[in-house]
Amino acid sequence: MTELFGATRNVVKERYALLTPQGHVTSYLPGWENAKCVVLISPAMGAQFTQYLITFEKDGHGRGNTGKTEFFGYVIEASASVTLDGKRHRMEAGGFVYIPPNRDIHFQGSNAKLLLFQKKYEPLAGTDAPPPFTGNQREVKGAPFLGNEDARLQVLLPDNPAFDMAVNIFTYQPGATLPFVETHIMEHGLLMLSGQGVYRLDADYHPVQAADVIWMAPYCPQWFVAMGKTPASYIYYKDVNRDPM
């Protein structure tokens, strides 16, 4: 029926986008081999960052240099590894890595899924760029968001002015919501990790579920409610700690 009538939940607007796996198209990117790469969010959409989904086939890998950009990688399924400064770091599902500018990198995996955020690093006068940083979601304690025990936030990167990006994981119990409609300068890239719910984007309401992707431009009104019988969670990027001028 989808093919017959062209039905889709995909929406791309000036201030936001909702992208579902049914609309994914593989891109062939330099440096990646035996890997299916999907460019989920990019400047071509109006974003100031890029979000990728990398699906490694057997002996898949990607190598290169970050140049003026920085990366954050998160393992969605199975396990992968990243080699930085000659040291190989193995990452199980939930594992993550921050990679600063001007670093040689080599990702490797087999039958694994990797989420990547990339943006141009904005230096801060008098502050060195952050060093590489690795961890795992299970090692990060979730805190109640604005006192709500049913909406818990895991902050994956250090709260440090050297970082110009933040990546967090939000987990909601069924029925839990964002406490208000957020409207702010920060831009978001988001991947639903589990569960389902309804996301308000601008003045529109969209059902969302695991594997859906959302882009939110600065000042796009946003709100979420978890629905169904299981918790809903998503991982999201935002730009932080820099003068808007």
C-alpha atoms as a PDB file:
ATOM      1  CA  MET A   1       0.000   0.000   0.000  1.00  0.00           C
ATOM      2  CA  THR A   2       2.864   2.370   0.755  1.00  0.00           C
ATOM      3  CA  GLU A   3       4.326   1.854  -2.709  1.00  0.00           C
ATOM      4  CA  LEU A   4       0.911   2.177  -4.361  1.00  0.00           C
ATOM      5  CA  PHE A   5      -0.157   5.451  -2.722  1.00  0.00           C
ATOM      6  CA  GLY A   6       3.202   6.962  -1.738  1.00  0.00           C
ATOM      7  CA  ALA A   7       2.266   7.071   1.953  1.00  0.00           C
ATOM      8  CA  THR A   8       5.032   8.032   4.401  1.00  0.00           C
ATOM      9  CA  ARG A   9       5.554   9.501   7.857  1.00  0.00           C
ATOM     10  CA  ASN A  10       8.588  11.374   6.513  1.00  0.00           C
ATOM     11  CA  VAL A  11       8.270  15.144   6.760  1.00  0.00           C
ATOM     12  CA  VAL A  12      10.866  17.764   5.794  1.00  0.00           C
ATOM     13  CA  LYS A  13      10.021  21.371   6.600  1.00  0.00           C
ATOM     14  CA  GLU A  14      11.937  24.594   7.008  1.00  0.00           C
ATOM     15  CA  ARG A  15      12.158  24.301  10.815  1.00  0.00           C
ATOM     16  CA  TYR A  16      12.160  20.538  11.387  1.00  0.00           C
ATOM     17  CA  ALA A  17      12.265  17.123   9.776  1.00  0.00           C
ATOM     18  CA  LEU A  18      11.051  13.638  10.698  1.00  0.00           C
ATOM     19  CA  LEU A  19      12.793  10.787   8.880  1.00  0.00           C
ATOM     20  CA  THR A  20      11.846   7.115   9.168  1.00  0.00           C
ATOM     21  CA  PRO A  21      13.885   4.031   8.188  1.00  0.00           C
ATOM     22  CA  GLN A  22      11.476   3.312   5.323  1.00  0.00           C
ATOM     23  CA  GLY A  23      12.841   6.359   3.493  1.00  0.00           C
ATOM     24  CA  HIS A  24      16.565   5.707   3.995  1.00  0.00           C
ATOM     25  CA  VAL A  25      18.808   5.752   0.931  1.00  0.00           C
ATOM     26  CA  THR A  26      22.429   4.635   1.178  1.00  0.00           C
ATOM     27  CA  SER A  27      25.221   7.074   0.349  1.00  0.00           C
ATOM     28  CA  TYR A  28      28.706   5.997  -0.635  1.00  0.00           C
ATOM     29  CA  LEU A  29      31.118   8.130   1.367  1.00  0.00           C
ATOM     30  CA  PRO A  30      34.912   8.409   0.957  1.00  0.00           C
ATOM     31  CA  GLY A  31      36.885   6.374   3.476  1.00  0.00           C
ATOM     32  CA  TRP A  32      34.124   3.857   4.263  1.00  0.00           C
ATOM     33  CA  GLU A  33      34.236   0.261   3.026  1.00  0.00           C
ATOM     34  CA  ASN A  34      31.833  -2.639   3.617  1.00  0.00           C
ATOM     35  CA  ALA A  35      29.516  -0.179   5.318  1.00  0.00           C
ATOM     36  CA  LYS A  36      26.128   1.254   4.422  1.00  0.00           C
ATOM     37  CA  CYS A  37      26.103   4.986   5.169  1.00  0.00           C
ATOM     38  CA  VAL A  38      22.910   7.018   5.461  1.00  0.00           C
ATOM     39  CA  VAL A  39      23.187  10.799   5.771  1.00  0.00           C
ATOM     40  CA  LEU A  40      20.258  11.515   8.055  1.00  0.00           C
ATOM     41  CA  ILE A  41      20.722  15.243   8.698  1.00  0.00           C
ATOM     42  CA  SER A  42      23.050  17.658   6.905  1.00  0.00           C
ATOM     43  CA  PRO A  43      23.572  21.297   5.871  1.00  0.00           C
ATOM     44  CA  ALA A  44      21.660  20.477   2.676  1.00  0.00           C
ATOM     45  CA  MET A  45      18.586  20.353   4.935  1.00  0.00           C
ATOM     46  CA  GLY A  46      19.460  23.621   6.649  1.00  0.00           C
ATOM     47  CA  ALA A  47      21.261  22.092   9.638  1.00  0.00           C
ATOM     48  CA  GLN A  48      24.599  23.281  10.993  1.00  0.00           C
ATOM     49  CA  PHE A  49      25.810  19.723  11.638  1.00  0.00           C
ATOM     50  CA  THR A  50      25.632  16.273  10.065  1.00  0.00           C
ATOM     51  CA  GLN A  51      24.134  13.086  11.497  1.00  0.00           C
ATOM     52  CA  TYR A  52      24.959   9.698   9.981  1.00  0.00           C
ATOM     53  CA  LEU A  53      23.812   6.115  10.445  1.00  0.00           C
ATOM     54  CA  ILE A  54      26.562   3.621   9.621  1.00  0.00           C
ATOM     55  CA  THR A  55      25.675  -0.062   9.253  1.00  0.00           C
ATOM     56  CA  PHE A  56      28.799  -2.201   9.133  1.00  0.00           C
ATOM     57  CA  GLU A  57      28.763  -5.336   7.058  1.00  0.00           C
ATOM     58  CA  LYS A  58      31.393  -8.030   7.637  1.00  0.00           C
ATOM     59  CA  ASP A  59      34.811  -6.396   8.210  1.00  0.00           C
ATOM     60  CA  GLY A  60      33.405  -2.927   7.679  1.00  0.00           C
ATOM     61  CA  HIS A  61      35.502   0.111   8.431  1.00  0.00           C
ATOM     62  CA  GLY A  62      35.916   3.824   7.903  1.00  0.00           C
ATOM     63  CA  ARG A  63      39.054   5.905   8.225  1.00  0.00           C
ATOM     64  CA  GLY A  64      40.102   9.510   7.799  1.00  0.00           C
ATOM     65  CA  ASN A  65      41.027  12.696   9.638  1.00  0.00           C
ATOM     66  CA  THR A  66      38.579  14.922  11.483  1.00  0.00           C
ATOM     67  CA  GLY A  67      40.197  18.117  10.092  1.00  0.00           C
ATOM     68  CA  LYS A  68      38.359  21.180  11.437  1.00  0.00           C
ATOM     69  CA  THR A  69      35.406  19.082  12.558  1.00  0.00           C
ATOM     70  CA  GLU A  70      34.628  16.957  15.607  1.00  0.00           C
ATOM     71  CA  PHE A  71      32.725  13.678  15.886  1.00  0.00           C
ATOM     72  CA  PHE A  72      30.599  11.921  18.443  1.00  0.00           C
ATOM     73  CA  GLY A  73      29.968   8.220  17.843  1.00  0.00           C
ATOM     74  CA  TYR A  74      27.463   5.944  19.611  1.00  0.00           C
ATOM     75  CA  VAL A  75      27.095   2.191  19.069  1.00  0.00           C
ATOM     76  CA  ILE A  76      23.437   1.300  18.581  1.00  0.00           C
ATOM     77  CA  GLU A  77      23.757  -2.441  17.972  1.00  0.00           C
ATOM     78  CA  ALA A  78      26.436  -5.135  18.440  1.00  0.00           C
ATOM     79  CA  SER A  79      29.993  -3.835  18.924  1.00  0.00           C
ATOM     80  CA  ALA A  80      32.523  -1.717  17.075  1.00  0.00           C
ATOM     81  CA  SER A  81      35.904  -0.157  17.703  1.00  0.00           C
ATOM     82  CA  VAL A  82      37.659   3.129  17.092  1.00  0.00           C
ATOM     83  CA  THR A  83      41.417   3.653  16.864  1.00  0.00           C
ATOM     84  CA  LEU A  84      42.664   7.010  18.183  1.00  0.00           C
ATOM     85  CA  ASP A  85      46.281   8.075  18.614  1.00  0.00           C
ATOM     86  CA  GLY A  86      47.346   4.503  17.869  1.00  0.00           C
ATOM     87  CA  LYS A  87      45.141   2.991  20.600  1.00  0.00           C
ATOM     88  CA  ARG A  88      42.143   0.845  19.768  1.00  0.00           C
ATOM     89  CA  HIS A  89      39.008   1.274  21.881  1.00  0.00           C
ATOM     90  CA  ARG A  90      36.352  -1.427  21.754  1.00  0.00           C
ATOM     91  CA  MET A  91      32.779  -0.216  22.188  1.00  0.00           C
ATOM     92  CA  GLU A  92      29.833  -2.459  23.026  1.00  0.00           C
ATOM     93  CA  ALA A  93      26.235  -1.371  22.450  1.00  0.00           C
ATOM     94  CA  GLY A  94      25.764   1.885  24.356  1.00  0.00           C
ATOM     95  CA  GLY A  95      29.438   2.741  24.000  1.00  0.00           C
ATOM     96  CA  PHE A  96      30.380   6.200  22.778  1.00  0.00           C
ATOM     97  CA  VAL A  97      33.378   8.288  21.752  1.00  0.00           C
ATOM     98  CA  TYR A  98      34.094  11.992  21.318  1.00  0.00           C
ATOM     99  CA  ILE A  99      36.788  12.815  18.747  1.00  0.00           C
ATOM    100  CA  PRO A 100      38.217  16.363  18.574  1.00  0.00           C
ATOM    101  CA  PRO A 101      39.523  18.158  15.467  1.00  0.00           C
ATOM    102  CA  ASN A 102      42.717  17.196  13.658  1.00  0.00           C
ATOM    103  CA  ARG A 103      42.731  13.532  14.674  1.00  0.00           C
ATOM    104  CA  ASP A 104      43.236  10.446  12.534  1.00  0.00           C
ATOM    105  CA  ILE A 105      40.393   8.013  13.120  1.00  0.00           C
ATOM    106  CA  HIS A 106      39.594   4.444  12.154  1.00  0.00           C
ATOM    107  CA  PHE A 107      36.217   2.867  12.913  1.00  0.00           C
ATOM    108  CA  GLN A 108      35.791  -0.900  12.529  1.00  0.00           C
ATOM    109  CA  GLY A 109      32.860  -3.271  12.966  1.00  0.00           C
ATOM    110  CA  SER A 110      30.978  -6.297  11.671  1.00  0.00           C
ATOM    111  CA  ASN A 111      27.176  -6.369  11.561  1.00  0.00           C
ATOM    112  CA  ALA A 112      27.018  -3.366  13.881  1.00  0.00           C
ATOM    113  CA  LYS A 113      25.219  -0.017  13.779  1.00  0.00           C
ATOM    114  CA  LEU A 114      26.923   3.266  14.597  1.00  0.00           C
ATOM    115  CA  LEU A 115      25.382   6.714  15.014  1.00  0.00           C
ATOM    116  CA  LEU A 116      27.668   9.666  14.220  1.00  0.00           C
ATOM    117  CA  PHE A 117      27.279  13.395  14.832  1.00  0.00           C
ATOM    118  CA  GLN A 118      29.734  15.735  13.082  1.00  0.00           C
ATOM    119  CA  LYS A 119      30.113  19.509  13.290  1.00  0.00           C
ATOM    120  CA  LYS A 120      32.739  22.163  12.716  1.00  0.00           C
ATOM    121  CA  TYR A 121      34.490  22.827  16.012  1.00  0.00           C
ATOM    122  CA  GLU A 122      34.234  26.394  17.299  1.00  0.00           C
ATOM    123  CA  PRO A 123      37.388  27.302  19.290  1.00  0.00           C
ATOM    124  CA  LEU A 124      36.993  29.210  22.550  1.00  0.00           C
ATOM    125  CA  ALA A 125      39.636  31.859  23.265  1.00  0.00           C
ATOM    126  CA  GLY A 126      41.964  30.823  26.072  1.00  0.00           C
ATOM    127  CA  THR A 127      40.651  27.251  26.131  1.00  0.00           C
ATOM    128  CA  ASP A 128      42.172  24.181  24.495  1.00  0.00           C
ATOM    129  CA  ALA A 129      39.989  21.870  22.440  1.00  0.00           C
ATOM    130  CA  PRO A 130      38.769  18.865  24.468  1.00  0.00           C
ATOM    131  CA  PRO A 131      40.748  15.619  24.362  1.00  0.00           C
ATOM    132  CA  PRO A 132      39.217  12.388  23.047  1.00  0.00           C
ATOM    133  CA  PHE A 133      36.639  10.937  25.427  1.00  0.00           C
ATOM    134  CA  THR A 134      35.114   7.455  25.621  1.00  0.00           C
ATOM    135  CA  GLY A 135      32.485   5.837  27.818  1.00  0.00           C
ATOM    136  CA  ASN A 136      29.353   3.721  27.933  1.00  0.00           C
ATOM    137  CA  GLN A 137      25.768   4.689  28.565  1.00  0.00           C
ATOM    138  CA  ARG A 138      25.462   2.146  31.388  1.00  0.00           C
ATOM    139  CA  GLU A 139      28.197   3.985  33.311  1.00  0.00           C
ATOM    140  CA  VAL A 140      26.306   7.291  33.237  1.00  0.00           C
ATOM    141  CA  LYS A 141      23.749   7.791  35.992  1.00  0.00           C
ATOM    142  CA  GLY A 142      20.405   9.187  34.882  1.00  0.00           C
ATOM    143  CA  ALA A 143      19.097  12.191  36.795  1.00  0.00           C
ATOM    144  CA  PRO A 144      15.427  13.201  37.158  1.00  0.00           C
ATOM    145  CA  PHE A 145      14.704  15.995  34.699  1.00  0.00           C
ATOM    146  CA  LEU A 146      13.473  19.041  36.628  1.00  0.00           C
ATOM    147  CA  GLY A 147      12.643  16.714  39.517  1.00  0.00           C
ATOM    148  CA  ASN A 148      10.556  14.253  37.476  1.00  0.00           C
ATOM    149  CA  GLU A 149      11.578  10.677  38.362  1.00  0.00           C
ATOM    150  CA  ASP A 150       9.730   9.371  35.281  1.00  0.00           C
ATOM    151  CA  ALA A 151      11.826  11.462  32.865  1.00  0.00           C
ATOM    152  CA  ARG A 152      15.535  10.854  33.384  1.00  0.00           C
ATOM    153  CA  LEU A 153      18.464  12.467  31.584  1.00  0.00           C
ATOM    154  CA  GLN A 154      21.912  10.954  30.998  1.00  0.00           C
ATOM    155  CA  VAL A 155      24.589  13.518  30.100  1.00  0.00           C
ATOM    156  CA  LEU A 156      27.245  11.699  28.079  1.00  0.00           C
ATOM    157  CA  LEU A 157      29.866  14.444  27.637  1.00  0.00           C
ATOM    158  CA  PRO A 158      31.522  16.474  30.405  1.00  0.00           C
ATOM    159  CA  ASP A 159      29.835  19.763  31.302  1.00  0.00           C
ATOM    160  CA  ASN A 160      32.905  21.743  30.304  1.00  0.00           C
ATOM    161  CA  PRO A 161      33.140  25.025  28.307  1.00  0.00           C
ATOM    162  CA  ALA A 162      35.764  23.456  26.032  1.00  0.00           C
ATOM    163  CA  PHE A 163      32.985  21.357  24.482  1.00  0.00           C
ATOM    164  CA  ASP A 164      30.759  23.131  21.958  1.00  0.00           C
ATOM    165  CA  MET A 165      28.427  20.145  21.674  1.00  0.00           C
ATOM    166  CA  ALA A 166      26.426  18.082  24.142  1.00  0.00           C
ATOM    167  CA  VAL A 167      24.945  14.620  23.603  1.00  0.00           C
ATOM    168  CA  ASN A 168      22.358  13.275  26.041  1.00  0.00           C
ATOM    169  CA  ILE A 169      19.981  10.345  26.389  1.00  0.00           C
ATOM    170  CA  PHE A 170      16.443  10.986  27.622  1.00  0.00           C
ATOM    171  CA  THR A 171      14.362   8.074  28.959  1.00  0.00           C
ATOM    172  CA  TYR A 172      10.645   8.431  29.721  1.00  0.00           C
ATOM    173  CA  GLN A 173       8.328   6.067  31.534  1.00  0.00           C
ATOM    174  CA  PRO A 174       4.980   5.541  29.751  1.00  0.00           C
ATOM    175  CA  GLY A 175       2.909   8.693  30.075  1.00  0.00           C
ATOM    176  CA  ALA A 176       5.840  10.928  31.049  1.00  0.00           C
ATOM    177  CA  THR A 177       6.367  14.163  29.130  1.00  0.00           C
ATOM    178  CA  LEU A 178       8.679  17.075  28.697  1.00  0.00           C
ATOM    179  CA  PRO A 179       7.361  19.469  31.341  1.00  0.00           C
ATOM    180  CA  PHE A 180       6.824  22.350  28.905  1.00  0.00           C
ATOM    181  CA  VAL A 181       7.106  23.198  25.216  1.00  0.00           C
ATOM    182  CA  GLU A 182      10.794  24.043  24.814  1.00  0.00           C
ATOM    183  CA  THR A 183      11.703  26.903  22.460  1.00  0.00           C
ATOM    184  CA  HIS A 184      15.409  27.736  22.434  1.00  0.00           C
ATOM    185  CA  ILE A 185      18.491  28.679  20.424  1.00  0.00           C
ATOM    186  CA  MET A 186      19.978  25.173  20.483  1.00  0.00           C
ATOM    187  CA  GLU A 187      19.684  22.974  17.387  1.00  0.00           C
ATOM    188  CA  HIS A 188      18.943  19.264  17.803  1.00  0.00           C
ATOM    189  CA  GLY A 189      19.585  16.024  15.990  1.00  0.00           C
ATOM    190  CA  LEU A 190      17.730  13.076  17.560  1.00  0.00           C
ATOM    191  CA  LEU A 191      17.439   9.311  17.151  1.00  0.00           C
ATOM    192  CA  MET A 192      14.695   7.323  18.863  1.00  0.00           C
ATOM    193  CA  LEU A 193      16.396   4.373  20.575  1.00  0.00           C
ATOM    194  CA  SER A 194      13.349   2.567  21.962  1.00  0.00           C
ATOM    195  CA  GLY A 195       9.645   2.853  22.598  1.00  0.00           C
ATOM    196  CA  GLN A 196       7.174   5.220  21.030  1.00  0.00           C
ATOM    197  CA  GLY A 197       5.318   8.439  21.624  1.00  0.00           C
ATOM    198  CA  VAL A 198       4.155  11.687  20.113  1.00  0.00           C
ATOM    199  CA  TYR A 199       6.521  14.550  19.305  1.00  0.00           C
ATOM    200  CA  ARG A 200       5.339  18.127  18.891  1.00  0.00           C
ATOM    201  CA  LEU A 201       7.487  19.897  16.278  1.00  0.00           C
ATOM    202  CA  ASP A 202       6.607  23.528  15.599  1.00  0.00           C
ATOM    203  CA  ALA A 203       2.780  23.455  15.548  1.00  0.00           C
ATOM    204  CA  ASP A 204       2.520  19.837  14.347  1.00  0.00           C
ATOM    205  CA  TYR A 205       2.189  16.539  16.255  1.00  0.00           C
ATOM    206  CA  HIS A 206       3.835  13.355  14.958  1.00  0.00           C
ATOM    207  CA  PRO A 207       3.766   9.731  16.173  1.00  0.00           C
ATOM    208  CA  VAL A 208       7.338   8.481  16.535  1.00  0.00           C
ATOM    209  CA  GLN A 209       8.969   5.160  17.353  1.00  0.00           C
ATOM    210  CA  ALA A 210      12.346   3.458  17.646  1.00  0.00           C
ATOM    211  CA  ALA A 211      14.729   4.220  14.723  1.00  0.00           C
ATOM    212  CA  ASP A 212      12.980   7.479  13.758  1.00  0.00           C
ATOM    213  CA  VAL A 213      15.177  10.567  13.350  1.00  0.00           C
ATOM    214  CA  ILE A 214      14.256  14.190  14.064  1.00  0.00           C
ATOM    215  CA  TRP A 215      15.984  17.450  13.170  1.00  0.00           C
ATOM    216  CA  MET A 216      14.961  20.568  15.082  1.00  0.00           C
ATOM    217  CA  ALA A 217      16.183  24.004  14.003  1.00  0.00           C
ATOM    218  CA  PRO A 218      16.879  26.732  16.579  1.00  0.00           C
ATOM    219  CA  TYR A 219      13.698  28.088  18.156  1.00  0.00           C
ATOM    220  CA  CYS A 220      11.531  25.263  16.830  1.00  0.00           C
ATOM    221  CA  PRO A 221       8.894  24.640  19.550  1.00  0.00           C
ATOM    222  CA  GLN A 222       9.279  21.032  20.751  1.00  0.00           C
ATOM    223  CA  TRP A 223       7.579  18.666  23.214  1.00  0.00           C
ATOM    224  CA  PHE A 224       7.317  14.902  23.731  1.00  0.00           C
ATOM    225  CA  VAL A 225       5.035  12.398  25.477  1.00  0.00           C
ATOM    226  CA  ALA A 226       5.908   8.702  25.839  1.00  0.00           C
ATOM    227  CA  MET A 227       3.068   6.347  24.969  1.00  0.00           C
ATOM    228  CA  GLY A 228       2.539   2.595  24.969  1.00  0.00           C
ATOM    229  CA  LYS A 229       3.484   0.027  27.622  1.00  0.00           C
ATOM    230  CA  THR A 230       7.281   0.359  27.593  1.00  0.00           C
ATOM    231  CA  PRO A 231       9.686   3.253  28.277  1.00  0.00           C
ATOM    232  CA  ALA A 232      10.710   5.477  25.394  1.00  0.00           C
ATOM    233  CA  SER A 233      14.233   6.800  24.980  1.00  0.00           C
ATOM    234  CA  TYR A 234      16.157   8.917  22.520  1.00  0.00           C
ATOM    235  CA  ILE A 235      19.690  10.193  22.073  1.00  0.00           C
ATOM    236  CA  TYR A 236      20.130  13.764  20.922  1.00  0.00           C
ATOM    237  CA  TYR A 237      22.775  16.321  19.982  1.00  0.00           C
ATOM    238  CA  LYS A 238      22.767  20.045  20.726  1.00  0.00           C
ATOM    239  CA  ASP A 239      25.227  22.913  20.272  1.00  0.00           C
ATOM    240  CA  VAL A 240      26.289  24.613  23.516  1.00  0.00           C
ATOM    241  CA  ASN A 241      28.744  26.955  25.247  1.00  0.00           C
ATOM    242  CA  ARG A 242      29.359  29.493  22.505  1.00  0.00           C
ATOM    243  CA  ASP A 243      28.430  33.158  21.998  1.00  0.00           C
ATOM    244  CA  PRO A 244      25.479  33.294  19.551  1.00  0.00           C
ATOM    245  CA  MET A 245      27.098  36.276  17.794  1.00  0.00           C
END
